[in-house]
């Protein structure tokens, strides 16, 4: 698996990452969503450097210009509901992409820290011979992404697979390495220290879905 960690070099990305973690701004859900969207835009730009391009000729009002444009067909697929603001950031840049949405959540059958991933709602474009970008803000245990990936593979065979997350834990990265193809690209805005006893990322930011859309029952 090819891993890209974007916060290793200073940029405005780190500024937005600091804001989404800050408890003093967590009461502003619109600001949180917008910052996640901005992070998605930055990640989309960085990811675009790994895509395939074709030569084209453009007619301008004053002449002809040779340039390049994206050749790959893209499908953006986000995990509901937390992935929606990040999805919009990618869609702002890849505005011709097709889209897919899958719900995945932790089910605690015994009301303890043990859980299983339940995948339910699916609305997915045709992924055959296309570049699939699987989008989720948090990579904690990695079980949700693997479960969604397996569901996606039931729908077809993509050309390339890119996974984009804002915050990752080392445990989640190792889980993906063990269960996903080596040809996958994993794009991480920033890498955190570990998971706690409840399998949440530390220092993390809390629940991305709740911060974006309000607490769930």
C-alpha atoms as a PDB file:
ATOM      1  CA  UNK A   1       0.000   0.000   0.000  1.00  0.00           C
ATOM      2  CA  UNK A   2       1.271   3.432  -0.935  1.00  0.00           C
ATOM      3  CA  UNK A   3       0.815   5.831   1.992  1.00  0.00           C
ATOM      4  CA  UNK A   4       0.831   9.630   1.634  1.00  0.00           C
ATOM      5  CA  UNK A   5       0.864  11.733   4.844  1.00  0.00           C
ATOM      6  CA  UNK A   6       0.216  15.340   3.886  1.00  0.00           C
ATOM      7  CA  UNK A   7       0.806  17.224   7.150  1.00  0.00           C
ATOM      8  CA  UNK A   8       4.494  16.339   7.320  1.00  0.00           C
ATOM      9  CA  UNK A   9       5.237  19.595   5.489  1.00  0.00           C
ATOM     10  CA  UNK A  10       3.885  22.882   6.830  1.00  0.00           C
ATOM     11  CA  UNK A  11       0.999  24.325   4.840  1.00  0.00           C
ATOM     12  CA  UNK A  12      -2.448  25.845   5.374  1.00  0.00           C
ATOM     13  CA  UNK A  13      -3.640  22.237   5.803  1.00  0.00           C
ATOM     14  CA  UNK A  14      -2.134  22.202   9.304  1.00  0.00           C
ATOM     15  CA  UNK A  15      -3.999  25.423  10.124  1.00  0.00           C
ATOM     16  CA  UNK A  16      -7.351  23.801   9.284  1.00  0.00           C
ATOM     17  CA  UNK A  17      -6.395  20.590  11.094  1.00  0.00           C
ATOM     18  CA  UNK A  18      -5.744  22.597  14.244  1.00  0.00           C
ATOM     19  CA  UNK A  19      -9.141  24.261  14.042  1.00  0.00           C
ATOM     20  CA  UNK A  20     -11.140  21.038  13.656  1.00  0.00           C
ATOM     21  CA  UNK A  21      -9.461  19.633  16.785  1.00  0.00           C
ATOM     22  CA  UNK A  22      -9.910  22.751  18.931  1.00  0.00           C
ATOM     23  CA  UNK A  23     -12.602  22.304  21.616  1.00  0.00           C
ATOM     24  CA  UNK A  24     -13.019  26.074  21.720  1.00  0.00           C
ATOM     25  CA  UNK A  25     -14.484  26.073  18.198  1.00  0.00           C
ATOM     26  CA  UNK A  26     -16.358  22.755  18.350  1.00  0.00           C
ATOM     27  CA  UNK A  27     -19.642  24.518  19.092  1.00  0.00           C
ATOM     28  CA  UNK A  28     -19.583  26.027  15.589  1.00  0.00           C
ATOM     29  CA  UNK A  29     -20.724  23.117  13.398  1.00  0.00           C
ATOM     30  CA  UNK A  30     -20.763  25.222  10.228  1.00  0.00           C
ATOM     31  CA  UNK A  31     -17.111  26.165  10.744  1.00  0.00           C
ATOM     32  CA  UNK A  32     -16.248  22.518  11.406  1.00  0.00           C
ATOM     33  CA  UNK A  33     -17.979  21.359   8.209  1.00  0.00           C
ATOM     34  CA  UNK A  34     -16.322  24.102   6.157  1.00  0.00           C
ATOM     35  CA  UNK A  35     -12.873  23.269   7.486  1.00  0.00           C
ATOM     36  CA  UNK A  36     -13.363  19.576   6.705  1.00  0.00           C
ATOM     37  CA  UNK A  37     -14.456  20.610   3.221  1.00  0.00           C
ATOM     38  CA  UNK A  38     -11.333  22.766   2.842  1.00  0.00           C
ATOM     39  CA  UNK A  39      -9.183  19.835   3.936  1.00  0.00           C
ATOM     40  CA  UNK A  40     -10.912  17.745   1.281  1.00  0.00           C
ATOM     41  CA  UNK A  41     -10.043  20.330  -1.342  1.00  0.00           C
ATOM     42  CA  UNK A  42      -6.379  20.301  -0.332  1.00  0.00           C
ATOM     43  CA  UNK A  43      -6.303  16.507  -0.336  1.00  0.00           C
ATOM     44  CA  UNK A  44      -7.967  16.429  -3.754  1.00  0.00           C
ATOM     45  CA  UNK A  45      -5.263  18.704  -5.138  1.00  0.00           C
ATOM     46  CA  UNK A  46      -2.491  16.498  -3.752  1.00  0.00           C
ATOM     47  CA  UNK A  47      -4.182  13.315  -4.954  1.00  0.00           C
ATOM     48  CA  UNK A  48      -4.635  14.801  -8.424  1.00  0.00           C
ATOM     49  CA  UNK A  49      -0.865  14.603  -8.913  1.00  0.00           C
ATOM     50  CA  UNK A  50      -1.161  10.784  -9.038  1.00  0.00           C
ATOM     51  CA  UNK A  51      -3.887  10.693 -11.703  1.00  0.00           C
ATOM     52  CA  UNK A  52      -3.441  10.143 -15.420  1.00  0.00           C
ATOM     53  CA  UNK A  53      -3.678  13.060 -17.855  1.00  0.00           C
ATOM     54  CA  UNK A  54      -4.130  13.447 -21.589  1.00  0.00           C
ATOM     55  CA  UNK A  55      -2.963  16.165 -23.962  1.00  0.00           C
ATOM     56  CA  UNK A  56      -5.663  18.481 -25.268  1.00  0.00           C
ATOM     57  CA  UNK A  57      -5.844  21.623 -27.383  1.00  0.00           C
ATOM     58  CA  UNK A  58      -7.969  24.510 -26.109  1.00  0.00           C
ATOM     59  CA  UNK A  59      -9.381  27.349 -28.168  1.00  0.00           C
ATOM     60  CA  UNK A  60      -9.052  30.657 -26.309  1.00  0.00           C
ATOM     61  CA  UNK A  61     -10.500  33.994 -27.482  1.00  0.00           C
ATOM     62  CA  UNK A  62      -7.045  34.922 -28.809  1.00  0.00           C
ATOM     63  CA  UNK A  63      -5.552  31.672 -30.005  1.00  0.00           C
ATOM     64  CA  UNK A  64      -4.799  28.010 -29.380  1.00  0.00           C
ATOM     65  CA  UNK A  65      -3.268  26.553 -26.211  1.00  0.00           C
ATOM     66  CA  UNK A  66      -2.014  23.017 -25.675  1.00  0.00           C
ATOM     67  CA  UNK A  67      -2.538  21.722 -22.140  1.00  0.00           C
ATOM     68  CA  UNK A  68      -3.567  18.579 -20.237  1.00  0.00           C
ATOM     69  CA  UNK A  69      -6.719  17.410 -18.487  1.00  0.00           C
ATOM     70  CA  UNK A  70      -7.634  14.470 -16.275  1.00  0.00           C
ATOM     71  CA  UNK A  71      -8.084  11.292 -18.275  1.00  0.00           C
ATOM     72  CA  UNK A  72      -9.232   9.004 -15.449  1.00  0.00           C
ATOM     73  CA  UNK A  73     -12.904   8.458 -14.733  1.00  0.00           C
ATOM     74  CA  UNK A  74     -13.474   9.070 -11.020  1.00  0.00           C
ATOM     75  CA  UNK A  75     -16.044   7.783  -8.546  1.00  0.00           C
ATOM     76  CA  UNK A  76     -16.152   9.472  -5.131  1.00  0.00           C
ATOM     77  CA  UNK A  77     -17.608   7.204  -2.461  1.00  0.00           C
ATOM     78  CA  UNK A  78     -18.066   8.463   1.085  1.00  0.00           C
ATOM     79  CA  UNK A  79     -19.136   6.713   4.277  1.00  0.00           C
ATOM     80  CA  UNK A  80     -22.273   8.267   5.755  1.00  0.00           C
ATOM     81  CA  UNK A  81     -22.744  10.527   7.567  1.00  0.00           C
ATOM     82  CA  UNK A  82     -19.379  11.829   8.718  1.00  0.00           C
ATOM     83  CA  UNK A  83     -17.866  11.627   5.246  1.00  0.00           C
ATOM     84  CA  UNK A  84     -20.235  14.140   3.623  1.00  0.00           C
ATOM     85  CA  UNK A  85     -18.279  17.402   4.231  1.00  0.00           C
ATOM     86  CA  UNK A  86     -15.017  15.755   3.134  1.00  0.00           C
ATOM     87  CA  UNK A  87     -16.815  14.368   0.080  1.00  0.00           C
ATOM     88  CA  UNK A  88     -17.916  17.880  -0.895  1.00  0.00           C
ATOM     89  CA  UNK A  89     -14.327  19.109  -0.714  1.00  0.00           C
ATOM     90  CA  UNK A  90     -13.247  16.449  -3.189  1.00  0.00           C
ATOM     91  CA  UNK A  91     -16.281  17.088  -5.383  1.00  0.00           C
ATOM     92  CA  UNK A  92     -15.443  20.812  -5.536  1.00  0.00           C
ATOM     93  CA  UNK A  93     -12.236  19.869  -7.349  1.00  0.00           C
ATOM     94  CA  UNK A  94     -13.339  16.722  -9.188  1.00  0.00           C
ATOM     95  CA  UNK A  95     -16.623  18.203 -10.325  1.00  0.00           C
ATOM     96  CA  UNK A  96     -17.125  15.714 -13.156  1.00  0.00           C
ATOM     97  CA  UNK A  97     -16.793  12.707 -10.853  1.00  0.00           C
ATOM     98  CA  UNK A  98     -19.575  10.215 -10.286  1.00  0.00           C
ATOM     99  CA  UNK A  99     -20.612   9.591  -6.707  1.00  0.00           C
ATOM    100  CA  UNK A 100     -21.477   6.848  -4.277  1.00  0.00           C
ATOM    101  CA  UNK A 101     -22.629   6.724  -0.661  1.00  0.00           C
ATOM    102  CA  UNK A 102     -22.536   3.858   1.836  1.00  0.00           C
ATOM    103  CA  UNK A 103     -23.607   3.797   5.485  1.00  0.00           C
ATOM    104  CA  UNK A 104     -21.427   1.978   8.001  1.00  0.00           C
ATOM    105  CA  UNK A 105     -21.590   2.112  11.779  1.00  0.00           C
ATOM    106  CA  UNK A 106     -20.325   0.386  14.877  1.00  0.00           C
ATOM    107  CA  UNK A 107     -22.901  -2.006  16.369  1.00  0.00           C
ATOM    108  CA  UNK A 108     -22.312  -2.953  20.013  1.00  0.00           C
ATOM    109  CA  UNK A 109     -24.433  -6.105  20.503  1.00  0.00           C
ATOM    110  CA  UNK A 110     -23.405  -6.542  24.135  1.00  0.00           C
ATOM    111  CA  UNK A 111     -23.360  -2.841  25.055  1.00  0.00           C
ATOM    112  CA  UNK A 112     -19.637  -2.974  25.751  1.00  0.00           C
ATOM    113  CA  UNK A 113     -16.501  -1.949  23.859  1.00  0.00           C
ATOM    114  CA  UNK A 114     -16.715  -4.887  21.449  1.00  0.00           C
ATOM    115  CA  UNK A 115     -18.363  -4.019  18.165  1.00  0.00           C
ATOM    116  CA  UNK A 116     -19.051  -5.180  14.634  1.00  0.00           C
ATOM    117  CA  UNK A 117     -19.379  -3.033  11.521  1.00  0.00           C
ATOM    118  CA  UNK A 118     -22.832  -2.933   9.962  1.00  0.00           C
ATOM    119  CA  UNK A 119     -23.067  -1.786   6.340  1.00  0.00           C
ATOM    120  CA  UNK A 120     -26.594  -0.902   5.196  1.00  0.00           C
ATOM    121  CA  UNK A 121     -27.556   1.852   2.760  1.00  0.00           C
ATOM    122  CA  UNK A 122     -25.773   1.803  -0.609  1.00  0.00           C
ATOM    123  CA  UNK A 123     -26.126   4.127  -3.599  1.00  0.00           C
ATOM    124  CA  UNK A 124     -23.095   3.579  -5.805  1.00  0.00           C
ATOM    125  CA  UNK A 125     -22.222   4.453  -9.389  1.00  0.00           C
ATOM    126  CA  UNK A 126     -20.656   1.935 -11.753  1.00  0.00           C
ATOM    127  CA  UNK A 127     -17.053   1.494 -10.603  1.00  0.00           C
ATOM    128  CA  UNK A 128     -15.721  -0.815 -13.333  1.00  0.00           C
ATOM    129  CA  UNK A 129     -12.402   0.410 -14.782  1.00  0.00           C
ATOM    130  CA  UNK A 130     -12.672   3.699 -12.880  1.00  0.00           C
ATOM    131  CA  UNK A 131     -10.633   5.281 -10.107  1.00  0.00           C
ATOM    132  CA  UNK A 132     -12.525   4.903  -6.831  1.00  0.00           C
ATOM    133  CA  UNK A 133     -11.859   7.425  -4.064  1.00  0.00           C
ATOM    134  CA  UNK A 134     -13.140   6.040  -0.757  1.00  0.00           C
ATOM    135  CA  UNK A 135     -13.644   8.963   1.623  1.00  0.00           C
ATOM    136  CA  UNK A 136     -13.979   8.897   5.433  1.00  0.00           C
ATOM    137  CA  UNK A 137     -12.658  11.514   7.884  1.00  0.00           C
ATOM    138  CA  UNK A 138     -11.445   9.095  10.575  1.00  0.00           C
ATOM    139  CA  UNK A 139      -9.328   5.948  10.226  1.00  0.00           C
ATOM    140  CA  UNK A 140      -9.490   4.394  13.684  1.00  0.00           C
ATOM    141  CA  UNK A 141      -9.565   0.575  13.701  1.00  0.00           C
ATOM    142  CA  UNK A 142      -9.886   0.427   9.917  1.00  0.00           C
ATOM    143  CA  UNK A 143     -12.773  -2.043  10.129  1.00  0.00           C
ATOM    144  CA  UNK A 144     -15.340   0.328   8.596  1.00  0.00           C
ATOM    145  CA  UNK A 145     -13.189   1.062   5.555  1.00  0.00           C
ATOM    146  CA  UNK A 146     -12.447  -2.630   5.008  1.00  0.00           C
ATOM    147  CA  UNK A 147     -16.148  -3.515   5.295  1.00  0.00           C
ATOM    148  CA  UNK A 148     -17.118  -0.787   2.825  1.00  0.00           C
ATOM    149  CA  UNK A 149     -14.275  -1.753   0.493  1.00  0.00           C
ATOM    150  CA  UNK A 150     -15.521  -5.340   0.425  1.00  0.00           C
ATOM    151  CA  UNK A 151     -19.036  -4.145  -0.408  1.00  0.00           C
ATOM    152  CA  UNK A 152     -17.664  -1.993  -3.213  1.00  0.00           C
ATOM    153  CA  UNK A 153     -15.772  -4.924  -4.711  1.00  0.00           C
ATOM    154  CA  UNK A 154     -19.080  -6.785  -5.020  1.00  0.00           C
ATOM    155  CA  UNK A 155     -20.175  -4.052  -7.453  1.00  0.00           C
ATOM    156  CA  UNK A 156     -17.282  -4.268  -9.894  1.00  0.00           C
ATOM    157  CA  UNK A 157     -13.542  -4.003 -10.509  1.00  0.00           C
ATOM    158  CA  UNK A 158     -12.059  -0.495 -10.307  1.00  0.00           C
ATOM    159  CA  UNK A 159      -8.942   0.602 -12.159  1.00  0.00           C
ATOM    160  CA  UNK A 160      -7.379   2.200  -9.065  1.00  0.00           C
ATOM    161  CA  UNK A 161      -8.386   2.609  -5.425  1.00  0.00           C
ATOM    162  CA  UNK A 162      -7.552   5.673  -3.362  1.00  0.00           C
ATOM    163  CA  UNK A 163      -8.576   5.974   0.290  1.00  0.00           C
ATOM    164  CA  UNK A 164      -8.701   9.468   1.795  1.00  0.00           C
ATOM    165  CA  UNK A 165      -8.905  10.147   5.536  1.00  0.00           C
ATOM    166  CA  UNK A 166      -8.317  13.254   7.626  1.00  0.00           C
ATOM    167  CA  UNK A 167      -6.984  11.662  10.826  1.00  0.00           C
ATOM    168  CA  UNK A 168      -5.531   8.148  11.086  1.00  0.00           C
ATOM    169  CA  UNK A 169      -4.328   5.937  13.912  1.00  0.00           C
ATOM    170  CA  UNK A 170      -1.395   3.546  13.393  1.00  0.00           C
ATOM    171  CA  UNK A 171      -3.631   0.584  14.280  1.00  0.00           C
ATOM    172  CA  UNK A 172      -6.013   1.448  11.466  1.00  0.00           C
ATOM    173  CA  UNK A 173      -3.202   1.745   8.945  1.00  0.00           C
ATOM    174  CA  UNK A 174      -1.914  -1.708   9.902  1.00  0.00           C
ATOM    175  CA  UNK A 175      -5.408  -3.169   9.538  1.00  0.00           C
ATOM    176  CA  UNK A 176      -5.704  -1.761   6.019  1.00  0.00           C
ATOM    177  CA  UNK A 177      -2.274  -3.098   5.106  1.00  0.00           C
ATOM    178  CA  UNK A 178      -3.398  -6.575   6.142  1.00  0.00           C
ATOM    179  CA  UNK A 179      -6.784  -6.574   4.399  1.00  0.00           C
ATOM    180  CA  UNK A 180      -6.535  -4.360   1.305  1.00  0.00           C
ATOM    181  CA  UNK A 181      -4.520  -4.817  -1.913  1.00  0.00           C
ATOM    182  CA  UNK A 182      -0.978  -3.509  -2.009  1.00  0.00           C
ATOM    183  CA  UNK A 183      -1.905  -1.374  -5.014  1.00  0.00           C
ATOM    184  CA  UNK A 184      -4.197   0.884  -2.952  1.00  0.00           C
ATOM    185  CA  UNK A 185      -3.202   4.473  -2.214  1.00  0.00           C
ATOM    186  CA  UNK A 186      -3.889   5.711   1.323  1.00  0.00           C
ATOM    187  CA  UNK A 187      -4.053   9.504   1.663  1.00  0.00           C
ATOM    188  CA  UNK A 188      -3.821  10.810   5.256  1.00  0.00           C
ATOM    189  CA  UNK A 189      -4.057  14.449   6.205  1.00  0.00           C
ATOM    190  CA  UNK A 190      -2.444  13.765   9.583  1.00  0.00           C
ATOM    191  CA  UNK A 191      -1.328  10.783  11.670  1.00  0.00           C
ATOM    192  CA  UNK A 192      -2.191  10.550  15.383  1.00  0.00           C
ATOM    193  CA  UNK A 193      -0.671   8.585  18.252  1.00  0.00           C
ATOM    194  CA  UNK A 194      -2.942   5.627  19.016  1.00  0.00           C
ATOM    195  CA  UNK A 195      -6.398   4.271  19.823  1.00  0.00           C
ATOM    196  CA  UNK A 196      -7.738   4.362  23.372  1.00  0.00           C
ATOM    197  CA  UNK A 197      -9.500   1.493  25.167  1.00  0.00           C
ATOM    198  CA  UNK A 198     -12.757   2.400  23.372  1.00  0.00           C
ATOM    199  CA  UNK A 199     -11.065   2.305  19.934  1.00  0.00           C
ATOM    200  CA  UNK A 200     -11.226   6.078  19.472  1.00  0.00           C
ATOM    201  CA  UNK A 201      -8.310   8.043  18.052  1.00  0.00           C
ATOM    202  CA  UNK A 202      -6.093   9.927  20.537  1.00  0.00           C
ATOM    203  CA  UNK A 203      -5.689  12.893  20.533  1.00  0.00           C
ATOM    204  CA  UNK A 204      -8.160  12.899  17.618  1.00  0.00           C
ATOM    205  CA  UNK A 205     -11.030  15.354  17.589  1.00  0.00           C
ATOM    206  CA  UNK A 206     -14.050  13.487  18.949  1.00  0.00           C
ATOM    207  CA  UNK A 207     -16.955  12.271  16.809  1.00  0.00           C
ATOM    208  CA  UNK A 208     -16.674  13.863  13.353  1.00  0.00           C
ATOM    209  CA  UNK A 209     -20.293  13.116  12.493  1.00  0.00           C
ATOM    210  CA  UNK A 210     -21.625  14.703  15.688  1.00  0.00           C
ATOM    211  CA  UNK A 211     -19.417  17.768  15.270  1.00  0.00           C
ATOM    212  CA  UNK A 212     -20.638  18.263  11.716  1.00  0.00           C
ATOM    213  CA  UNK A 213     -24.340  17.455  12.091  1.00  0.00           C
ATOM    214  CA  UNK A 214     -25.214  17.289  15.798  1.00  0.00           C
ATOM    215  CA  UNK A 215     -25.379  14.476  18.308  1.00  0.00           C
ATOM    216  CA  UNK A 216     -27.250  11.304  17.352  1.00  0.00           C
ATOM    217  CA  UNK A 217     -29.551   9.291  19.598  1.00  0.00           C
END
